[in-house]
Amino acid sequence: MTVGMAASKQKPIPKKFDVVSIPAPIGGLNSRDALSAMPPMDAYNLVNWIPHNYGVSNRKGYTEWATNLTGGAVGSISAWFGPTTTIPTTVSFQTAPTTLPGKVFASTDTGFWDITTTTAAPAIVQALSGATNAGVVSSVDFANSAGGWMLACSETDGYFTYDGTTWTKVTLGAGGNQVSVTDPTQFCAVSIWKRRPWFVVKNSSKVAYLPTDSIYGAGAYLDLGPLLPHGGAIAWISTWTIDAGEGIDDLLVIASENGDIVIYKGTDPSSPSTFSLVGRWYAGEVPKGRQCFTTFGGDLLLVSNYGMLPLSYITRGGGNILSPGQGTYTDKIQEVFATDISPSFNFFGWQILQIPRENLLIITVPFQQESTNLQYVMNTTNNQWCFWQGVPMNCTRTVANWPLVGTLDGRVLILGLNFLDNNLQDGTAGNAINGLIEPAFTYFQKEGEISANKHFLMCRPVWLAAGKPAWAIQLNTDFNPRAPNASLTPTLPTGAVWDSSKWDSSLWSGTKQSWAEWRSVNGVGFSGQASLQTLTEVETILASIDYMLEVGGPM
């Protein structure tokens, strides 16, 4: 037999490749770990996609609620909810309301606007001075024997009350609707503790308080200056309900701009026998504004230049525990969070918004430009993070479980009605939402293959959605992240039409189905990552990304 004949009878060697499936990046954003050490289910970048335990889902959009508010940016949203006010029992969070319960107000520097009902022509119900930041308002509801009240303090214009019908600007004096001893025109934030209104005094180390169950009358000061080793004025006041070993109690928490936290317990601040200092701690400098804290479960969360911290951790160890990985919710994102917090630390607009029905907690970052809207968003079921971009969020407030936001251009928006951005008040549908998913790099390793080169051939994201998602892919290798830059067109879902489509064959509109499509990619490297650019307008879930690859040698 000749050599040529032998060669002709050899069977062709089949091309060998592997298919590896990596779950969606349900671990959320990670700027803590090195690219080479990041868990495979974390994300280098995650924009407008929320990490859940079952996959990552696209965020919902926003709809105009009130427009044409003049006087600059909407600085705050306030709500009066009286003792007899109730949330309608027929509320559906899939249907846009036209009126919210109680009374709802948005404030700009020129005044408080009534936005209880969705409107393009709101009315000013209480004028403000027009001074810069007059529309930045702290407010709280309070009830006493005289009825239900909203207490509101403007950053520049002082203290106001609202009884469900009438607004009152509180002045210094001994009259019926006045406050004496302490100057109410200098009150810039308000909280309620042990049945007393407490106030931050502007540019001062003092706080003020009124008699029990009173919204007017003779006030008194509490000077915390000697307890603030880092100096600075008082930033905000809150309460913290804990069990300190003597039963559940409400503690008074006072934070200074430079980061000192002072906590009191008791009842009557004028009596040393019933009011005492629990202690003082350092939490890091707090950002501008008086809204960047929130109660969360049995804790109080606050934002400082250390990240978002639970007060329980601060009081256990003070500055000794304030390092990444030791009690900060923002541990995994601290590096990028610190980068974003620096340029906007001294702007008003820092807030924490909770949306319980969506299991979301949102930190707003005031960039002072509509084009650079950014929020940090945490899924409270797994404490994992993502970015939101494109939501023009200057201030926030949840009213009867509806999340409202105010914008820099004089609008109030309602979140979460559908999966489109900028739905107009006249009913014009909004825009599909851009997103970006950049998972961690993966070695796709088997025994001895960590350093082996891989030739990436194809990728297949697996989606669940009512309509085919629009997406583009960029295959990156060896820890060189690049995002796709494609022009995408969303595909609206098409479904069955009643009395026309074939029964038991067509898919009903709105029903999720799996969408999985192989697309060619090309890359050679020992690690890989498929970055996805997306454009969505219906609820969509990414379950996994499949990779088809060949494994070669180390060279």
Protein backbone atom coordinates (compact mmCIF):
# COMPACT_ATOMS: atom_id res chain seq x y z
CA MET A 1 0.00 0.00 0.00
CA THR A 2 1.40 3.37 -0.92
CA VAL A 3 1.66 6.26 1.44
CA GLY A 4 -0.79 8.22 -0.66
CA MET A 5 -3.37 5.47 -0.45
CA ALA A 6 -2.99 5.24 3.33
CA ALA A 7 -3.43 8.96 3.69
CA SER A 8 -6.60 8.97 1.63
CA LYS A 9 -8.22 6.44 3.95
CA GLN A 10 -7.66 8.44 7.16
CA LYS A 11 -10.89 9.74 8.74
CA PRO A 12 -11.15 13.54 9.11
CA ILE A 13 -10.52 14.75 12.65
CA PRO A 14 -13.66 16.53 13.94
CA LYS A 15 -13.23 20.09 15.14
CA LYS A 16 -13.38 20.12 18.94
CA PHE A 17 -15.08 22.91 20.86
CA ASP A 18 -16.71 23.41 24.25
CA VAL A 19 -19.95 25.13 25.20
CA VAL A 20 -19.86 26.78 28.63
CA SER A 21 -22.84 28.45 30.29
CA ILE A 22 -22.26 31.28 32.80
CA PRO A 23 -25.24 32.51 34.88
CA ALA A 24 -26.25 36.17 34.63
CA PRO A 25 -24.27 38.53 36.94
CA ILE A 26 -26.63 38.25 39.88
CA GLY A 27 -23.80 39.34 42.23
CA GLY A 28 -24.19 42.88 40.90
CA LEU A 29 -21.56 45.59 40.64
CA ASN A 30 -18.08 44.85 41.95
CA SER A 31 -15.34 47.48 42.04
CA ARG A 32 -13.66 45.92 45.07
CA ASP A 33 -12.03 42.82 43.57
CA ALA A 34 -9.35 42.63 40.91
CA LEU A 35 -10.61 41.77 37.44
CA SER A 36 -8.67 38.52 37.66
CA ALA A 37 -10.22 37.58 41.01
CA MET A 38 -13.82 38.75 40.55
CA PRO A 39 -16.47 36.05 41.13
CA PRO A 40 -17.90 34.90 37.79
CA MET A 41 -21.44 35.98 38.69
CA ASP A 42 -20.44 39.57 39.56
CA ALA A 43 -20.38 42.47 37.12
CA TYR A 44 -17.68 44.92 36.10
CA ASN A 45 -20.49 47.26 35.04
CA LEU A 46 -24.27 46.95 35.27
CA VAL A 47 -26.39 49.83 33.99
CA ASN A 48 -30.21 49.80 34.16
CA TRP A 49 -30.22 46.07 34.97
CA ILE A 50 -31.13 44.96 38.50
CA PRO A 51 -29.49 41.85 40.03
CA HIS A 52 -31.95 39.30 41.43
CA ASN A 53 -31.41 35.77 42.67
CA TYR A 54 -32.92 34.37 39.46
CA GLY A 55 -31.17 36.65 36.93
CA VAL A 56 -30.86 40.34 36.08
CA SER A 57 -33.95 42.31 35.03
CA ASN A 58 -34.32 45.63 33.27
CA ARG A 59 -35.47 48.61 35.31
CA LYS A 60 -38.84 50.27 34.87
CA GLY A 61 -39.24 53.74 33.40
CA TYR A 62 -40.85 57.04 34.37
CA THR A 63 -43.94 59.06 33.47
CA GLU A 64 -44.68 62.77 33.83
CA TRP A 65 -46.94 63.54 36.79
CA ALA A 66 -46.79 67.34 37.00
CA THR A 67 -45.14 69.78 34.61
CA ASN A 68 -44.48 73.51 34.18
CA LEU A 69 -43.30 74.21 37.71
CA THR A 70 -41.31 77.43 37.50
CA GLY A 71 -38.67 78.77 39.84
CA GLY A 72 -35.82 76.44 38.98
CA ALA A 73 -35.31 72.83 39.93
CA VAL A 74 -37.81 70.87 41.98
CA GLY A 75 -35.92 70.76 45.26
CA SER A 76 -38.25 68.60 47.36
CA ILE A 77 -41.54 66.71 47.42
CA SER A 78 -43.66 66.88 50.59
CA ALA A 79 -46.84 65.08 51.58
CA TRP A 80 -49.60 65.65 54.13
CA PHE A 81 -51.32 62.48 55.25
CA GLY A 82 -53.96 63.26 57.87
CA PRO A 83 -55.28 60.96 60.60
CA THR A 84 -58.37 60.08 58.54
CA THR A 85 -56.63 59.87 55.16
CA THR A 86 -56.54 56.36 53.72
CA ILE A 87 -54.91 54.71 50.73
CA PRO A 88 -57.63 53.63 48.26
CA THR A 89 -58.28 49.90 48.51
CA THR A 90 -58.54 49.60 44.72
CA VAL A 91 -54.98 50.77 44.10
CA SER A 92 -53.21 48.83 41.34
CA PHE A 93 -49.53 49.49 40.92
CA GLN A 94 -49.82 48.52 37.27
CA THR A 95 -52.22 51.39 36.54
CA ALA A 96 -51.32 55.07 36.67
CA PRO A 97 -53.27 56.97 39.33
CA THR A 98 -54.62 60.42 38.60
CA THR A 99 -54.87 61.59 42.23
CA LEU A 100 -52.80 60.64 45.27
CA PRO A 101 -54.29 60.41 48.79
CA GLY A 102 -53.80 63.30 51.19
CA LYS A 103 -52.05 66.36 49.80
CA VAL A 104 -48.80 66.34 47.83
CA PHE A 105 -46.58 69.36 47.17
CA ALA A 106 -43.48 69.98 45.10
CA SER A 107 -41.28 72.92 46.01
CA THR A 108 -39.12 75.12 43.85
CA ASP A 109 -37.36 78.28 45.00
CA THR A 110 -40.53 80.30 44.29
CA GLY A 111 -43.00 78.23 46.30
CA PHE A 112 -44.91 75.06 47.17
CA TRP A 113 -46.96 73.68 44.25
CA ASP A 114 -50.03 71.49 44.69
CA ILE A 115 -49.41 68.29 42.72
CA THR A 116 -51.94 66.05 44.47
CA THR A 117 -53.59 65.48 41.09
CA THR A 118 -51.60 64.96 37.93
CA THR A 119 -51.50 68.28 36.10
CA ALA A 120 -49.77 70.43 33.50
CA ALA A 121 -50.91 73.61 35.27
CA PRO A 122 -50.07 73.34 38.98
CA ALA A 123 -50.76 76.23 41.34
CA ILE A 124 -48.51 77.76 43.97
CA VAL A 125 -50.23 77.40 47.34
CA GLN A 126 -47.48 78.93 49.50
CA ALA A 127 -44.88 81.38 48.22
CA LEU A 128 -41.18 81.11 48.97
CA SER A 129 -38.57 83.85 48.73
CA GLY A 130 -36.93 82.76 45.49
CA ALA A 131 -33.55 82.59 47.20
CA THR A 132 -31.19 79.86 46.07
CA ASN A 133 -32.19 76.51 47.66
CA ALA A 134 -35.42 77.91 49.13
CA GLY A 135 -37.13 74.94 47.48
CA VAL A 136 -34.93 72.44 49.33
CA VAL A 137 -37.36 71.39 52.06
CA SER A 138 -37.41 68.92 54.94
CA SER A 139 -40.91 67.82 55.99
CA VAL A 140 -42.64 65.40 58.33
CA ASP A 141 -46.23 64.61 59.36
CA PHE A 142 -47.30 65.16 62.97
CA ALA A 143 -50.61 64.73 64.79
CA ASN A 144 -51.83 66.20 68.07
CA SER A 145 -55.17 67.00 69.64
CA ALA A 146 -55.67 69.84 67.16
CA GLY A 147 -55.47 67.51 64.14
CA GLY A 148 -52.98 66.35 61.53
CA TRP A 149 -50.14 68.59 60.40
CA MET A 150 -47.29 68.69 57.98
CA LEU A 151 -44.25 70.50 59.38
CA ALA A 152 -41.87 71.79 56.71
CA CYS A 153 -38.57 73.66 56.87
CA SER A 154 -37.03 75.42 53.87
CA GLU A 155 -33.25 75.62 53.60
CA THR A 156 -33.48 79.43 53.49
CA ASP A 157 -37.03 80.45 54.44
CA GLY A 158 -37.55 78.75 57.78
CA TYR A 159 -40.49 76.90 59.31
CA PHE A 160 -43.98 76.34 57.83
CA THR A 161 -47.00 74.33 58.96
CA TYR A 162 -49.91 72.91 56.96
CA ASP A 163 -53.15 71.55 58.46
CA GLY A 164 -54.68 69.96 55.39
CA THR A 165 -56.17 73.27 54.23
CA THR A 166 -54.09 76.25 55.32
CA TRP A 167 -50.39 77.06 55.16
CA THR A 168 -48.76 79.12 57.90
CA LYS A 169 -45.31 80.67 57.81
CA VAL A 170 -44.14 80.55 61.42
CA THR A 171 -42.45 83.66 62.79
CA LEU A 172 -40.63 84.60 65.97
CA GLY A 173 -43.00 85.75 68.71
CA ALA A 174 -45.33 84.74 71.50
CA GLY A 175 -48.55 84.60 69.47
CA GLY A 176 -50.74 81.59 68.77
CA ASN A 177 -49.02 80.55 65.54
CA GLN A 178 -45.54 81.64 66.52
CA VAL A 179 -42.44 80.23 68.16
CA SER A 180 -40.62 82.11 70.88
CA VAL A 181 -37.08 81.91 72.29
CA THR A 182 -35.81 79.95 69.29
CA ASP A 183 -35.96 81.70 65.89
CA PRO A 184 -38.11 79.60 63.49
CA THR A 185 -36.83 81.53 60.47
CA GLN A 186 -33.50 79.74 61.01
CA PHE A 187 -34.98 76.23 61.13
CA CYS A 188 -33.84 74.27 58.06
CA ALA A 189 -34.81 70.65 58.83
CA VAL A 190 -37.35 68.93 61.06
CA SER A 191 -37.83 65.56 62.75
CA ILE A 192 -40.14 64.15 65.41
CA TRP A 193 -38.81 62.48 68.55
CA LYS A 194 -40.76 61.49 71.66
CA ARG A 195 -43.80 63.57 70.57
CA ARG A 196 -41.73 66.73 70.09
CA PRO A 197 -40.71 68.52 66.88
CA TRP A 198 -36.92 68.90 66.66
CA PHE A 199 -35.21 71.29 64.28
CA VAL A 200 -31.80 71.77 62.72
CA VAL A 201 -30.71 75.40 63.10
CA LYS A 202 -29.00 76.63 59.95
CA ASN A 203 -25.20 77.10 60.11
CA SER A 204 -25.15 76.25 63.80
CA SER A 205 -24.04 73.54 66.20
CA LYS A 206 -27.42 73.95 67.96
CA VAL A 207 -30.68 72.09 67.52
CA ALA A 208 -34.04 73.41 68.72
CA TYR A 209 -37.11 71.67 70.10
CA LEU A 210 -40.69 72.54 71.06
CA PRO A 211 -42.92 71.40 73.93
CA THR A 212 -44.49 67.94 73.82
CA ASP A 213 -47.35 67.63 71.29
CA SER A 214 -46.87 71.26 70.20
CA ILE A 215 -46.03 72.78 66.84
CA TYR A 216 -45.83 76.33 68.18
CA GLY A 217 -44.91 77.88 71.53
CA ALA A 218 -41.76 78.40 73.56
CA GLY A 219 -38.81 76.59 72.06
CA ALA A 220 -35.44 75.73 73.55
CA TYR A 221 -31.93 75.11 72.22
CA LEU A 222 -29.61 72.18 72.75
CA ASP A 223 -26.02 73.14 71.90
CA LEU A 224 -23.93 70.22 70.72
CA GLY A 225 -20.79 72.25 69.98
CA PRO A 226 -18.73 70.75 72.83
CA LEU A 227 -19.62 67.23 71.57
CA LEU A 228 -18.40 67.77 68.00
CA PRO A 229 -14.62 67.20 67.97
CA HIS A 230 -14.53 67.57 64.18
CA GLY A 231 -16.49 70.83 64.26
CA GLY A 232 -19.00 71.94 61.68
CA ALA A 233 -22.72 72.63 61.77
CA ILE A 234 -25.51 70.13 62.39
CA ALA A 235 -26.58 68.37 59.17
CA TRP A 236 -29.64 66.32 60.13
CA ILE A 237 -31.69 64.78 62.94
CA SER A 238 -33.34 61.36 62.97
CA THR A 239 -34.61 58.68 65.33
CA TRP A 240 -33.39 55.13 65.79
CA THR A 241 -35.56 52.43 67.36
CA ILE A 242 -33.52 49.63 68.96
CA ASP A 243 -33.51 47.20 71.86
CA ALA A 244 -30.54 48.33 73.95
CA GLY A 245 -31.01 45.66 76.62
CA GLU A 246 -33.60 47.62 78.58
CA GLY A 247 -36.46 47.09 76.17
CA ILE A 248 -37.19 48.75 72.84
CA ASP A 249 -36.53 52.48 72.86
CA ASP A 250 -36.38 55.40 70.44
CA LEU A 251 -33.03 57.17 70.42
CA LEU A 252 -32.37 60.67 69.11
CA VAL A 253 -29.61 60.73 66.47
CA ILE A 254 -27.92 64.01 65.51
CA ALA A 255 -25.29 64.17 62.74
CA SER A 256 -22.86 66.98 62.02
CA GLU A 257 -21.64 67.93 58.55
CA ASN A 258 -18.11 66.82 59.46
CA GLY A 259 -19.24 63.37 60.52
CA ASP A 260 -19.75 63.35 64.29
CA ILE A 261 -22.78 61.31 65.39
CA VAL A 262 -24.31 62.15 68.77
CA ILE A 263 -27.02 59.94 70.28
CA TYR A 264 -29.34 60.72 73.19
CA LYS A 265 -31.99 58.77 75.07
CA GLY A 266 -34.74 59.85 77.46
CA THR A 267 -37.81 62.07 77.21
CA ASP A 268 -37.49 65.66 78.43
CA PRO A 269 -34.31 67.38 77.18
CA SER A 270 -34.69 70.09 79.83
CA SER A 271 -34.30 67.56 82.64
CA PRO A 272 -30.92 65.81 83.24
CA SER A 273 -32.74 63.08 85.13
CA THR A 274 -34.81 62.08 82.08
CA PHE A 275 -32.44 62.91 79.22
CA SER A 276 -28.90 61.68 78.80
CA LEU A 277 -26.10 61.24 76.30
CA VAL A 278 -25.67 57.67 74.99
CA GLY A 279 -22.42 58.44 73.21
CA ARG A 280 -20.73 59.99 70.20
CA TRP A 281 -19.07 58.37 67.21
CA TYR A 282 -17.46 59.32 63.93
CA ALA A 283 -19.05 58.22 60.63
CA GLY A 284 -17.14 60.24 58.04
CA GLU A 285 -18.24 63.50 56.42
CA VAL A 286 -21.84 63.51 55.23
CA PRO A 287 -22.82 64.95 51.84
CA LYS A 288 -24.65 68.24 51.37
CA GLY A 289 -28.32 68.21 52.19
CA ARG A 290 -30.41 66.77 54.99
CA GLN A 291 -32.02 63.70 53.42
CA CYS A 292 -29.26 61.13 52.95
CA PHE A 293 -30.36 58.72 55.67
CA THR A 294 -33.25 56.31 56.11
CA THR A 295 -34.64 53.75 58.51
CA PHE A 296 -34.13 50.25 57.11
CA GLY A 297 -35.51 47.31 59.03
CA GLY A 298 -34.35 47.84 62.61
CA ASP A 299 -31.43 50.06 61.61
CA LEU A 300 -30.66 53.56 60.44
CA LEU A 301 -28.66 53.81 57.22
CA LEU A 302 -26.63 56.92 56.42
CA VAL A 303 -24.36 57.98 53.58
CA SER A 304 -20.93 59.45 54.24
CA ASN A 305 -17.65 59.51 52.36
CA TYR A 306 -17.15 55.96 53.72
CA GLY A 307 -20.19 54.73 51.80
CA MET A 308 -23.65 53.73 53.05
CA LEU A 309 -23.33 52.61 56.66
CA PRO A 310 -25.70 51.01 59.17
CA LEU A 311 -25.65 52.99 62.40
CA SER A 312 -25.53 49.75 64.40
CA TYR A 313 -22.04 49.02 63.05
CA ILE A 314 -20.79 52.53 63.75
CA THR A 315 -21.87 52.41 67.37
CA ARG A 316 -20.25 49.02 67.89
CA GLY A 317 -16.79 50.07 66.88
CA GLY A 318 -16.64 53.68 65.79
CA GLY A 319 -13.89 54.54 63.35
CA ASN A 320 -12.20 51.18 63.87
CA ILE A 321 -14.81 49.37 61.79
CA LEU A 322 -15.05 51.92 59.00
CA SER A 323 -13.14 50.09 56.32
CA PRO A 324 -14.37 48.13 53.30
CA GLY A 325 -15.75 44.75 54.23
CA GLN A 326 -16.56 45.68 57.83
CA GLY A 327 -20.17 46.76 58.01
CA THR A 328 -20.67 48.91 54.91
CA TYR A 329 -23.46 48.05 52.51
CA THR A 330 -21.35 49.61 49.75
CA ASP A 331 -18.34 47.34 50.38
CA LYS A 332 -18.30 45.86 46.84
CA ILE A 333 -18.77 49.23 45.12
CA GLN A 334 -16.83 51.50 47.46
CA GLU A 335 -14.10 52.44 44.98
CA VAL A 336 -16.45 53.62 42.26
CA PHE A 337 -18.83 55.11 44.84
CA ALA A 338 -16.00 57.20 46.29
CA THR A 339 -15.08 58.37 42.79
CA ASP A 340 -18.64 59.57 42.12
CA ILE A 341 -19.20 61.09 45.54
CA SER A 342 -16.18 63.42 45.37
CA PRO A 343 -17.26 65.90 42.63
CA SER A 344 -20.83 66.22 43.93
CA PHE A 345 -20.33 65.97 47.68
CA ASN A 346 -21.19 69.63 48.28
CA PHE A 347 -24.30 69.79 46.08
CA PHE A 348 -27.85 69.47 47.39
CA GLY A 349 -29.72 66.45 46.07
CA TRP A 350 -28.24 63.53 48.01
CA GLN A 351 -31.11 61.33 49.17
CA ILE A 352 -32.00 57.73 49.90
CA LEU A 353 -35.28 56.48 48.42
CA GLN A 354 -36.83 53.14 49.32
CA ILE A 355 -39.34 51.46 46.99
CA PRO A 356 -40.56 48.55 49.15
CA ARG A 357 -42.87 46.98 46.57
CA GLU A 358 -39.91 46.73 44.16
CA ASN A 359 -37.41 45.73 46.92
CA LEU A 360 -35.17 48.63 45.89
CA LEU A 361 -33.12 51.22 47.72
CA ILE A 362 -31.83 54.15 45.64
CA ILE A 363 -29.07 56.65 46.42
CA THR A 364 -29.38 59.75 44.28
CA VAL A 365 -26.15 61.45 43.18
CA PRO A 366 -26.55 65.16 42.32
CA PHE A 367 -24.47 65.85 39.22
CA GLN A 368 -26.36 69.10 38.56
CA GLN A 369 -26.86 68.26 34.88
CA GLU A 370 -29.71 66.40 33.19
CA SER A 371 -27.20 64.66 30.90
CA THR A 372 -25.34 62.96 33.76
CA ASN A 373 -28.19 61.45 35.77
CA LEU A 374 -26.90 58.66 37.97
CA GLN A 375 -28.27 56.63 40.83
CA TYR A 376 -26.85 53.74 42.84
CA VAL A 377 -29.54 51.09 43.28
CA MET A 378 -29.50 48.17 45.72
CA ASN A 379 -31.80 45.16 45.57
CA THR A 380 -32.75 44.81 49.24
CA THR A 381 -33.42 41.07 48.95
CA ASN A 382 -29.75 40.28 48.27
CA ASN A 383 -27.98 43.63 48.93
CA GLN A 384 -26.46 43.71 45.42
CA TRP A 385 -25.96 46.88 43.41
CA CYS A 386 -26.35 48.33 39.94
CA PHE A 387 -26.37 51.75 38.31
CA TRP A 388 -29.41 53.56 36.99
CA GLN A 389 -28.85 56.10 34.27
CA GLY A 390 -31.33 58.22 32.34
CA VAL A 391 -33.74 58.98 35.22
CA PRO A 392 -33.60 62.77 35.86
CA MET A 393 -33.81 62.43 39.63
CA ASN A 394 -33.03 65.62 41.59
CA CYS A 395 -35.19 64.81 44.65
CA THR A 396 -37.38 61.91 45.68
CA ARG A 397 -40.34 60.96 47.86
CA THR A 398 -42.55 57.90 48.18
CA VAL A 399 -46.22 58.86 48.55
CA ALA A 400 -48.72 56.08 49.29
CA ASN A 401 -46.21 53.56 47.90
CA TRP A 402 -45.78 55.56 44.69
CA PRO A 403 -42.20 56.77 44.08
CA LEU A 404 -42.12 60.39 42.86
CA VAL A 405 -39.06 62.32 41.69
CA GLY A 406 -38.48 65.99 40.96
CA THR A 407 -36.29 67.16 38.10
CA LEU A 408 -33.97 70.04 37.36
CA ASP A 409 -36.32 71.30 34.63
CA GLY A 410 -39.44 71.78 36.78
CA ARG A 411 -41.25 68.46 36.44
CA VAL A 412 -42.42 65.77 38.83
CA LEU A 413 -42.26 62.20 37.56
CA ILE A 414 -43.79 58.95 38.79
CA LEU A 415 -41.69 55.81 38.56
CA GLY A 416 -42.52 52.24 37.67
CA LEU A 417 -45.64 52.32 35.49
CA ASN A 418 -44.04 50.60 32.49
CA PHE A 419 -40.66 49.91 30.90
CA LEU A 420 -40.37 53.18 28.94
CA ASP A 421 -38.65 56.43 29.89
CA ASN A 422 -40.25 59.86 29.54
CA ASN A 423 -43.88 58.91 29.03
CA LEU A 424 -45.53 62.30 28.59
CA GLN A 425 -48.49 63.59 30.51
CA ASP A 426 -50.59 63.85 27.35
CA GLY A 427 -50.35 60.08 26.90
CA THR A 428 -47.51 60.03 24.38
CA ALA A 429 -45.52 56.85 24.90
CA GLY A 430 -41.92 57.21 25.99
CA ASN A 431 -38.63 55.78 24.84
CA ALA A 432 -37.05 52.34 25.09
CA ILE A 433 -34.42 52.11 27.82
CA ASN A 434 -30.72 51.60 27.10
CA GLY A 435 -28.80 49.18 29.27
CA LEU A 436 -25.34 47.71 29.63
CA ILE A 437 -24.29 44.35 31.09
CA GLU A 438 -20.56 43.79 31.50
CA PRO A 439 -20.03 40.57 33.47
CA ALA A 440 -16.85 39.53 35.25
CA PHE A 441 -14.08 38.00 33.16
CA THR A 442 -13.99 34.21 33.36
CA TYR A 443 -11.18 31.71 32.72
CA PHE A 444 -13.67 29.02 31.56
CA GLN A 445 -11.27 26.71 33.29
CA LYS A 446 -10.92 22.99 33.57
CA GLU A 447 -8.08 21.17 35.24
CA GLY A 448 -4.86 22.76 33.95
CA GLU A 449 -6.63 25.19 31.58
CA ILE A 450 -6.46 28.45 33.57
CA SER A 451 -3.53 29.75 31.53
CA ALA A 452 -4.62 28.06 28.29
CA ASN A 453 -5.66 30.26 25.40
CA LYS A 454 -9.24 30.00 24.27
CA HIS A 455 -10.60 30.85 20.86
CA PHE A 456 -14.08 32.29 21.35
CA LEU A 457 -16.37 31.45 18.43
CA MET A 458 -19.96 32.28 19.38
CA CYS A 459 -22.05 33.63 22.26
CA ARG A 460 -25.70 33.14 23.16
CA PRO A 461 -27.46 35.23 25.82
CA VAL A 462 -30.60 33.54 27.14
CA TRP A 463 -33.43 36.04 27.72
CA LEU A 464 -36.95 35.77 29.12
CA ALA A 465 -39.25 38.43 27.70
CA ALA A 466 -42.60 39.01 26.01
CA GLY A 467 -40.81 40.34 22.93
CA LYS A 468 -37.48 39.65 21.28
CA PRO A 469 -34.83 41.79 23.00
CA ALA A 470 -32.59 44.11 21.00
CA TRP A 471 -28.95 43.55 21.91
CA ALA A 472 -25.39 43.87 20.64
CA ILE A 473 -22.35 42.00 21.90
CA GLN A 474 -18.65 42.74 22.32
CA LEU A 475 -16.39 39.80 23.17
CA ASN A 476 -13.48 40.98 25.32
CA THR A 477 -10.43 38.98 26.37
CA ASP A 478 -7.66 39.16 28.97
CA PHE A 479 -9.21 41.80 31.25
CA ASN A 480 -9.63 44.52 28.62
CA PRO A 481 -13.27 45.62 29.09
CA ARG A 482 -14.92 47.38 26.17
CA ALA A 483 -18.62 48.13 25.75
CA PRO A 484 -20.49 47.59 22.48
CA ASN A 485 -21.49 50.69 20.55
CA ALA A 486 -24.30 49.71 18.19
CA SER A 487 -27.48 51.28 16.89
CA LEU A 488 -30.32 49.16 18.25
CA THR A 489 -34.01 49.06 17.39
CA PRO A 490 -36.41 47.52 19.91
CA THR A 491 -38.84 44.84 18.76
CA LEU A 492 -42.34 45.24 20.13
CA PRO A 493 -43.94 42.00 21.31
CA THR A 494 -46.52 40.51 18.97
CA GLY A 495 -49.10 38.10 20.27
CA ALA A 496 -52.36 36.39 19.55
CA VAL A 497 -55.53 38.32 18.68
CA TRP A 498 -58.74 37.05 20.21
CA ASP A 499 -61.19 35.42 17.77
CA SER A 500 -58.58 35.64 15.00
CA SER A 501 -55.38 33.79 15.90
CA LYS A 502 -55.21 30.01 15.97
CA TRP A 503 -56.15 28.51 19.34
CA ASP A 504 -53.49 26.48 21.17
CA SER A 505 -50.86 27.65 18.69
CA SER A 506 -50.25 31.41 18.91
CA LEU A 507 -48.56 33.04 21.92
CA TRP A 508 -50.68 35.46 23.93
CA SER A 509 -49.30 38.98 23.97
CA GLY A 510 -47.51 39.78 27.22
CA THR A 511 -46.46 36.20 27.91
CA LYS A 512 -42.76 35.72 28.58
CA GLN A 513 -40.85 33.26 26.47
CA SER A 514 -37.23 32.29 26.09
CA TRP A 515 -35.11 34.01 23.45
CA ALA A 516 -31.71 32.47 22.71
CA GLU A 517 -29.71 33.23 19.59
CA TRP A 518 -26.12 32.30 18.79
CA ARG A 519 -24.05 35.14 17.38
CA SER A 520 -20.54 34.94 16.02
CA VAL A 521 -17.75 36.55 17.99
CA ASN A 522 -14.02 36.44 17.59
CA GLY A 523 -11.39 36.63 20.29
CA VAL A 524 -8.39 34.74 21.57
CA GLY A 525 -7.25 34.93 25.17
CA PHE A 526 -6.96 33.01 28.43
CA SER A 527 -10.01 34.83 29.88
CA GLY A 528 -13.14 36.22 28.29
CA GLN A 529 -16.20 38.38 28.85
CA ALA A 530 -19.28 39.06 26.71
CA SER A 531 -20.42 42.66 27.15
CA LEU A 532 -24.04 43.27 26.16
CA GLN A 533 -25.59 46.52 25.03
CA THR A 534 -29.39 46.40 25.29
CA LEU A 535 -32.50 48.35 24.33
CA THR A 536 -35.72 47.21 26.02
CA GLU A 537 -39.31 48.36 26.33
CA VAL A 538 -40.96 45.36 27.99
CA GLU A 539 -40.04 43.38 31.10
CA THR A 540 -36.91 41.38 30.28
CA ILE A 541 -34.69 38.99 32.25
CA LEU A 542 -31.20 37.79 31.36
CA ALA A 543 -30.79 34.24 32.71
CA SER A 544 -27.36 33.25 31.39
CA ILE A 545 -24.75 33.71 28.68
CA ASP A 546 -23.48 30.67 26.74
CA TYR A 547 -20.02 30.64 25.17
CA MET A 548 -18.78 28.39 22.36
CA LEU A 549 -14.96 28.16 22.42
CA GLU A 550 -11.94 26.10 21.53
CA VAL A 551 -9.24 25.45 24.10
CA GLY A 552 -5.65 25.66 22.91
CA GLY A 553 -2.25 25.80 24.55
CA PRO A 554 -0.67 28.40 26.84
CA MET A 555 1.09 30.21 23.99
